[in-house]
N, C-alpha and C. Protein backbone atom coordinates (compact mmCIF):
# COMPACT_ATOMS: atom_id res chain seq x y z
N MET A 1 165.60 146.59 83.73
CA MET A 1 164.16 147.57 83.32
C MET A 1 163.69 148.35 84.52
N LYS A 2 163.45 149.28 84.59
CA LYS A 2 162.92 150.62 85.64
C LYS A 2 161.85 150.25 86.43
N SER A 3 161.76 149.64 87.89
CA SER A 3 160.91 149.68 88.74
C SER A 3 159.56 150.95 88.82
N THR A 4 158.39 150.55 88.87
CA THR A 4 157.31 150.93 89.54
C THR A 4 157.58 152.71 89.72
N PHE A 5 158.33 152.57 90.71
CA PHE A 5 158.66 153.53 91.80
C PHE A 5 159.68 154.36 90.72
N ASP A 6 160.68 154.29 89.87
CA ASP A 6 161.23 154.84 89.39
C ASP A 6 160.55 156.15 87.92
N LEU A 7 159.89 154.81 87.29
CA LEU A 7 158.40 155.43 86.59
C LEU A 7 157.87 156.31 86.83
N MET A 8 157.03 156.01 88.04
CA MET A 8 156.53 157.68 89.06
C MET A 8 157.83 158.48 89.31
N ARG A 9 158.33 158.88 89.28
CA ARG A 9 159.11 159.88 89.92
C ARG A 9 159.31 159.91 88.30
N LEU A 10 160.00 159.68 87.63
CA LEU A 10 159.64 160.37 86.05
C LEU A 10 159.40 161.17 85.69
N TRP A 11 157.23 160.21 86.08
CA TRP A 11 156.22 161.14 85.36
C TRP A 11 156.13 162.77 86.55
N ALA A 12 156.53 162.34 87.39
CA ALA A 12 156.61 163.25 88.33
C ALA A 12 158.00 164.78 87.89
N MET A 13 158.67 164.15 87.32
CA MET A 13 159.81 165.09 86.76
C MET A 13 158.96 166.09 85.54
N LEU A 14 158.85 164.86 85.22
CA LEU A 14 157.91 165.46 83.97
C LEU A 14 156.95 166.51 84.26
N THR A 15 156.36 166.09 84.77
CA THR A 15 154.74 166.96 85.16
C THR A 15 154.66 168.26 86.07
N GLY A 16 156.22 168.10 86.49
CA GLY A 16 157.12 169.55 87.15
C GLY A 16 157.25 170.12 86.01
N LEU A 17 158.16 169.76 85.56
CA LEU A 17 158.66 170.72 84.00
C LEU A 17 157.62 171.63 83.22
N VAL A 18 156.93 170.24 83.23
CA VAL A 18 155.82 171.32 82.14
C VAL A 18 154.31 172.23 82.89
N LEU A 19 155.01 171.80 84.17
CA LEU A 19 153.79 172.59 84.95
C LEU A 19 154.32 174.15 85.47
N ALA A 20 155.61 174.00 85.74
CA ALA A 20 156.69 174.82 85.59
C ALA A 20 156.91 175.80 84.54
N ALA A 21 157.15 175.53 83.49
CA ALA A 21 157.01 176.53 82.26
C ALA A 21 155.91 177.20 82.05
N TRP A 22 154.31 176.15 82.18
CA TRP A 22 153.31 177.08 81.96
C TRP A 22 152.76 178.26 82.97
N TYR A 23 153.66 177.61 84.73
CA TYR A 23 153.33 178.89 85.68
C TYR A 23 154.35 180.04 84.73
N PHE A 24 155.80 180.07 83.80
CA PHE A 24 156.40 180.87 83.62
C PHE A 24 156.06 181.62 82.57
N ALA A 25 155.16 180.90 80.81
CA ALA A 25 154.85 181.57 80.59
C ALA A 25 153.63 182.48 80.58
N ALA A 26 152.26 182.04 81.55
CA ALA A 26 151.45 182.49 81.97
C ALA A 26 151.89 183.91 82.75
N LEU A 27 153.33 183.88 83.76
CA LEU A 27 153.38 184.97 84.16
C LEU A 27 154.38 185.82 82.93
N LEU A 28 154.50 185.11 82.44
CA LEU A 28 155.39 186.84 81.62
C LEU A 28 154.44 187.40 80.10
N MET A 29 152.77 186.35 80.13
CA MET A 29 151.98 186.90 79.58
C MET A 29 151.05 187.66 80.17
N GLY A 30 151.42 187.93 80.97
CA GLY A 30 150.47 188.96 81.97
C GLY A 30 149.09 187.94 82.29
N ALA A 31 149.52 187.02 83.02
CA ALA A 31 147.80 186.02 82.81
C ALA A 31 147.90 186.25 84.16
N LYS A 32 146.65 186.13 85.31
CA LYS A 32 146.27 185.80 86.64
C LYS A 32 145.97 184.99 87.32
N GLN A 33 147.94 184.67 88.13
CA GLN A 33 147.74 183.31 88.11
C GLN A 33 146.95 183.08 89.36
N THR A 34 146.44 181.75 89.72
CA THR A 34 146.11 181.00 90.86
C THR A 34 146.99 180.48 91.63
N GLU A 35 146.98 180.10 93.03
CA GLU A 35 147.96 179.72 93.94
C GLU A 35 147.71 178.20 93.29
N THR A 36 147.18 177.44 93.41
CA THR A 36 146.47 176.05 93.08
C THR A 36 148.11 175.73 92.37
N LEU A 37 148.40 176.60 91.00
CA LEU A 37 149.38 176.12 89.73
C LEU A 37 151.27 176.25 90.55
N SER A 38 150.82 177.37 91.61
CA SER A 38 152.25 177.21 92.41
C SER A 38 152.54 176.30 93.41
N MET A 39 151.59 175.89 93.96
CA MET A 39 151.54 175.21 95.04
C MET A 39 151.92 173.45 94.20
N LEU A 40 150.55 172.83 92.86
CA LEU A 40 151.96 171.47 92.17
C LEU A 40 152.99 171.83 92.25
N VAL A 41 152.95 172.63 91.39
CA VAL A 41 155.06 172.70 91.22
C VAL A 41 155.39 172.72 92.65
N THR A 42 155.54 173.25 93.43
CA THR A 42 155.93 173.34 94.99
C THR A 42 156.03 171.90 95.38
N ALA A 43 154.56 171.01 94.97
CA ALA A 43 154.45 169.66 95.99
C ALA A 43 155.31 168.66 94.41
N ILE A 44 155.48 169.46 93.73
CA ILE A 44 155.99 167.51 93.08
C ILE A 44 157.81 168.29 92.93
N GLY A 45 157.95 169.60 93.10
CA GLY A 45 159.91 170.02 92.92
C GLY A 45 160.10 169.72 94.74
N GLY A 46 159.00 169.03 95.82
CA GLY A 46 159.28 169.10 96.84
C GLY A 46 159.53 167.21 97.20
N PHE A 47 158.56 166.49 96.15
CA PHE A 47 158.99 165.44 96.04
C PHE A 47 160.28 164.97 95.22
N GLU A 48 160.65 164.75 94.59
CA GLU A 48 161.52 164.83 94.00
C GLU A 48 162.66 165.38 94.62
N LEU A 49 162.98 166.38 95.11
CA LEU A 49 164.49 166.82 96.29
C LEU A 49 164.53 166.20 97.26
N PHE A 50 163.31 165.30 97.88
CA PHE A 50 163.57 164.78 98.73
C PHE A 50 164.13 163.48 98.70
N HIS A 51 163.68 163.10 97.42
CA HIS A 51 163.65 161.79 96.62
C HIS A 51 165.23 161.71 96.07
N PHE A 52 165.62 162.90 95.78
CA PHE A 52 166.93 162.77 95.22
C PHE A 52 167.90 162.98 96.78
N ALA A 53 167.49 163.84 97.85
CA ALA A 53 168.25 163.93 98.84
C ALA A 53 168.67 162.24 99.39
N GLN A 54 166.93 161.24 99.15
CA GLN A 54 167.33 160.31 100.16
C GLN A 54 168.54 159.58 98.75
N ASP A 55 168.06 159.59 97.66
CA ASP A 55 169.30 158.39 96.98
C ASP A 55 170.77 159.14 97.32
N ILE A 56 170.92 160.28 97.78
CA ILE A 56 172.48 160.45 98.09
C ILE A 56 172.51 160.06 99.45
N TRP A 57 171.88 160.13 99.94
CA TRP A 57 171.81 159.41 101.61
C TRP A 57 172.22 157.77 101.48
N LEU A 58 171.06 157.42 100.66
CA LEU A 58 171.64 155.48 100.55
C LEU A 58 173.11 155.13 100.14
N LYS A 59 172.93 155.99 98.75
CA LYS A 59 174.38 155.58 98.22
C LYS A 59 175.06 156.00 99.02
N ARG A 60 175.30 156.83 99.85
CA ARG A 60 176.82 157.47 100.82
C ARG A 60 176.87 156.11 102.14
N GLY A 61 175.96 155.76 102.26
CA GLY A 61 175.87 154.70 103.17
C GLY A 61 176.37 152.75 102.65
N ARG A 62 175.84 153.39 101.49
CA ARG A 62 176.98 151.87 101.23
C ARG A 62 178.49 151.49 101.29
N THR A 63 178.14 150.35 101.57
CA THR A 63 180.07 150.21 101.88
C THR A 63 180.53 149.52 99.91
N ASN A 64 181.89 149.64 100.08
CA ASN A 64 182.79 149.07 98.78
C ASN A 64 183.15 147.62 99.08
N GLY A 65 182.85 146.45 99.30
CA GLY A 65 184.00 145.63 99.88
C GLY A 65 183.08 144.46 100.83
């Protein structure tokens, strides 16, 4: 069973992907972009990047035996 934090990270990832797709679709259609959408994508990406690096750091610190 996944922890609540793992589920929160999953929802953040899915939300970030949807927002990024929305941003690029609007960009391709020539719609005027707001700063809010790009800031949301960046914030969620930063959240995921931080926790990805933290997972690597924690796994590196574990010993096998």
